[in-house]
Amino acid sequence: MEIKTAIDHAAVAVNDINWYIRFFDKAFNMKVRNYDGPEENPKQVWLLGGIQLIASPDEKFAKEDRCRHLGMNVSDPEACLKIAYEEFGAEEMPQGHNWIRVGDGLCVEVLQMK
């Protein structure tokens, strides 16, 4: 029997959950599918596309224990990157133009969807 595998979701700790909700909505068109807690100040959210954001106001935890980076497949990487750079102040990383650091330091690799 062949085992088939797919990632269900990646959980990421963030300092400002509402900032990240806006970022993933605008840059990646990833909408919230479920809230834990009040919508205006949730403890955590699950986005369509497999990302779980966990509110972590403790900056040390959000930076050290969140994840190394997210690799995002998108249909139009340049449009996505333009939004990230211009509207959300993304910083280019040494790995190249498609590697960005956003918000409180989360690293995102933007890839062409195949």
C-alpha atoms as a PDB file:
ATOM      1  CA  MET A   1       0.000   0.000   0.000  1.00  0.00           C
ATOM      2  CA  GLU A   2       1.332   3.434  -0.956  1.00  0.00           C
ATOM      3  CA  ILE A   3       1.070   6.122   1.697  1.00  0.00           C
ATOM      4  CA  LYS A   4      -0.082   9.483   0.338  1.00  0.00           C
ATOM      5  CA  THR A   5       0.797  12.599   2.261  1.00  0.00           C
ATOM      6  CA  ALA A   6      -0.185  16.256   2.198  1.00  0.00           C
ATOM      7  CA  ILE A   7       0.398  18.979   4.747  1.00  0.00           C
ATOM      8  CA  ASP A   8      -2.846  19.933   6.458  1.00  0.00           C
ATOM      9  CA  HIS A   9      -1.533  23.151   7.993  1.00  0.00           C
ATOM     10  CA  ALA A  10       1.498  24.934   9.425  1.00  0.00           C
ATOM     11  CA  ALA A  11       1.105  26.656  12.796  1.00  0.00           C
ATOM     12  CA  VAL A  12       2.959  29.948  13.197  1.00  0.00           C
ATOM     13  CA  ALA A  13       3.286  32.067  16.353  1.00  0.00           C
ATOM     14  CA  VAL A  14       3.027  35.819  15.672  1.00  0.00           C
ATOM     15  CA  ASN A  15       3.125  38.962  17.824  1.00  0.00           C
ATOM     16  CA  ASP A  16       0.327  40.878  16.055  1.00  0.00           C
ATOM     17  CA  ILE A  17      -2.236  38.393  14.760  1.00  0.00           C
ATOM     18  CA  ASN A  18      -4.465  41.055  13.186  1.00  0.00           C
ATOM     19  CA  TRP A  19      -1.519  42.426  11.153  1.00  0.00           C
ATOM     20  CA  TYR A  20      -0.800  38.932   9.821  1.00  0.00           C
ATOM     21  CA  ILE A  21      -4.477  38.325   9.012  1.00  0.00           C
ATOM     22  CA  ARG A  22      -4.414  41.471   6.827  1.00  0.00           C
ATOM     23  CA  PHE A  23      -1.034  40.529   5.301  1.00  0.00           C
ATOM     24  CA  PHE A  24      -2.040  37.007   4.255  1.00  0.00           C
ATOM     25  CA  ASP A  25      -5.411  38.255   3.018  1.00  0.00           C
ATOM     26  CA  LYS A  26      -3.989  41.025   0.804  1.00  0.00           C
ATOM     27  CA  ALA A  27      -0.679  39.517  -0.356  1.00  0.00           C
ATOM     28  CA  PHE A  28      -1.792  35.878  -0.748  1.00  0.00           C
ATOM     29  CA  ASN A  29      -5.615  36.119  -0.848  1.00  0.00           C
ATOM     30  CA  MET A  30      -5.806  33.709   2.110  1.00  0.00           C
ATOM     31  CA  LYS A  31      -9.043  34.268   4.036  1.00  0.00           C
ATOM     32  CA  VAL A  32      -9.775  33.255   7.622  1.00  0.00           C
ATOM     33  CA  ARG A  33     -11.833  30.066   7.742  1.00  0.00           C
ATOM     34  CA  ASN A  34     -12.062  29.751  11.538  1.00  0.00           C
ATOM     35  CA  TYR A  35     -11.476  31.923  14.621  1.00  0.00           C
ATOM     36  CA  ASP A  36     -10.650  30.842  18.173  1.00  0.00           C
ATOM     37  CA  GLY A  37     -11.833  33.706  20.343  1.00  0.00           C
ATOM     38  CA  PRO A  38     -13.449  36.989  19.359  1.00  0.00           C
ATOM     39  CA  GLU A  39     -13.025  37.955  15.706  1.00  0.00           C
ATOM     40  CA  GLU A  40     -11.537  41.367  16.605  1.00  0.00           C
ATOM     41  CA  ASN A  41      -8.899  39.847  18.919  1.00  0.00           C
ATOM     42  CA  PRO A  42      -8.600  36.084  18.301  1.00  0.00           C
ATOM     43  CA  LYS A  43      -6.294  33.710  20.169  1.00  0.00           C
ATOM     44  CA  GLN A  44      -5.679  31.896  16.896  1.00  0.00           C
ATOM     45  CA  VAL A  45      -7.057  31.650  13.365  1.00  0.00           C
ATOM     46  CA  TRP A  46      -6.951  29.117  10.565  1.00  0.00           C
ATOM     47  CA  LEU A  47      -6.539  30.472   7.038  1.00  0.00           C
ATOM     48  CA  LEU A  48      -7.772  28.814   3.871  1.00  0.00           C
ATOM     49  CA  GLY A  49      -4.663  27.306   2.341  1.00  0.00           C
ATOM     50  CA  GLY A  50      -3.249  25.709   5.464  1.00  0.00           C
ATOM     51  CA  ILE A  51      -1.778  28.327   7.799  1.00  0.00           C
ATOM     52  CA  GLN A  52      -2.718  28.568  11.461  1.00  0.00           C
ATOM     53  CA  LEU A  53      -1.744  31.850  13.133  1.00  0.00           C
ATOM     54  CA  ILE A  54      -1.323  31.746  16.910  1.00  0.00           C
ATOM     55  CA  ALA A  55      -1.351  35.026  18.846  1.00  0.00           C
ATOM     56  CA  SER A  56       1.864  35.223  20.842  1.00  0.00           C
ATOM     57  CA  PRO A  57       2.441  38.641  22.377  1.00  0.00           C
ATOM     58  CA  ASP A  58       5.600  37.236  24.009  1.00  0.00           C
ATOM     59  CA  GLU A  59       8.109  38.388  21.374  1.00  0.00           C
ATOM     60  CA  LYS A  60      10.727  35.781  22.331  1.00  0.00           C
ATOM     61  CA  PHE A  61       8.336  32.871  21.760  1.00  0.00           C
ATOM     62  CA  ALA A  62       7.040  34.280  18.476  1.00  0.00           C
ATOM     63  CA  LYS A  63      10.562  34.649  17.080  1.00  0.00           C
ATOM     64  CA  GLU A  64      12.267  31.537  18.448  1.00  0.00           C
ATOM     65  CA  ASP A  65       9.591  28.870  18.336  1.00  0.00           C
ATOM     66  CA  ARG A  66       7.467  29.741  15.318  1.00  0.00           C
ATOM     67  CA  CYS A  67       9.141  28.138  12.236  1.00  0.00           C
ATOM     68  CA  ARG A  68      12.141  28.715   9.933  1.00  0.00           C
ATOM     69  CA  HIS A  69      10.164  30.021   6.948  1.00  0.00           C
ATOM     70  CA  LEU A  70       6.980  29.549   4.953  1.00  0.00           C
ATOM     71  CA  GLY A  71       7.252  28.581   1.272  1.00  0.00           C
ATOM     72  CA  MET A  72       4.212  29.927  -0.570  1.00  0.00           C
ATOM     73  CA  ASN A  73       3.209  28.803  -4.098  1.00  0.00           C
ATOM     74  CA  VAL A  74       1.377  31.641  -5.852  1.00  0.00           C
ATOM     75  CA  SER A  75       0.039  32.153  -9.373  1.00  0.00           C
ATOM     76  CA  ASP A  76       1.572  35.650  -9.657  1.00  0.00           C
ATOM     77  CA  PRO A  77       4.686  35.973  -7.477  1.00  0.00           C
ATOM     78  CA  GLU A  78       5.532  39.486  -8.680  1.00  0.00           C
ATOM     79  CA  ALA A  79       2.072  40.853  -7.827  1.00  0.00           C
ATOM     80  CA  CYS A  80       2.274  39.197  -4.419  1.00  0.00           C
ATOM     81  CA  LEU A  81       5.769  40.572  -3.770  1.00  0.00           C
ATOM     82  CA  LYS A  82       4.731  44.068  -4.908  1.00  0.00           C
ATOM     83  CA  ILE A  83       1.966  44.101  -2.279  1.00  0.00           C
ATOM     84  CA  ALA A  84       4.315  42.700   0.374  1.00  0.00           C
ATOM     85  CA  TYR A  85       7.059  45.269  -0.329  1.00  0.00           C
ATOM     86  CA  GLU A  86       4.881  48.336  -0.955  1.00  0.00           C
ATOM     87  CA  GLU A  87       1.970  47.854   1.440  1.00  0.00           C
ATOM     88  CA  PHE A  88       3.500  45.811   4.260  1.00  0.00           C
ATOM     89  CA  GLY A  89       7.135  46.985   4.313  1.00  0.00           C
ATOM     90  CA  ALA A  90       8.624  43.573   3.538  1.00  0.00           C
ATOM     91  CA  GLU A  91      12.420  43.410   3.580  1.00  0.00           C
ATOM     92  CA  GLU A  92      14.367  41.458   0.961  1.00  0.00           C
ATOM     93  CA  MET A  93      16.465  38.660   2.420  1.00  0.00           C
ATOM     94  CA  PRO A  94      19.969  37.628   1.247  1.00  0.00           C
ATOM     95  CA  GLN A  95      18.528  34.536  -0.496  1.00  0.00           C
ATOM     96  CA  GLY A  96      16.953  36.769  -3.178  1.00  0.00           C
ATOM     97  CA  HIS A  97      14.059  39.019  -4.183  1.00  0.00           C
ATOM     98  CA  ASN A  98      11.473  36.285  -3.592  1.00  0.00           C
ATOM     99  CA  TRP A  99      12.590  35.785   0.017  1.00  0.00           C
ATOM    100  CA  ILE A 100      11.032  38.357   2.347  1.00  0.00           C
ATOM    101  CA  ARG A 101      10.964  39.164   6.041  1.00  0.00           C
ATOM    102  CA  VAL A 102       7.661  40.623   7.239  1.00  0.00           C
ATOM    103  CA  GLY A 103       5.991  41.875  10.397  1.00  0.00           C
ATOM    104  CA  ASP A 104       7.854  40.780  13.497  1.00  0.00           C
ATOM    105  CA  GLY A 105      10.431  38.835  11.475  1.00  0.00           C
ATOM    106  CA  LEU A 106       8.570  35.964   9.794  1.00  0.00           C
ATOM    107  CA  CYS A 107      10.475  34.695   6.715  1.00  0.00           C
ATOM    108  CA  VAL A 108       8.454  33.887   3.594  1.00  0.00           C
ATOM    109  CA  GLU A 109       9.689  32.373   0.318  1.00  0.00           C
ATOM    110  CA  VAL A 110       7.386  33.273  -2.589  1.00  0.00           C
ATOM    111  CA  LEU A 111       7.419  30.640  -5.361  1.00  0.00           C
ATOM    112  CA  GLN A 112       5.805  30.345  -8.794  1.00  0.00           C
ATOM    113  CA  MET A 113       2.893  27.909  -8.664  1.00  0.00           C
ATOM    114  CA  LYS A 114       3.390  24.985 -11.059  1.00  0.00           C
END
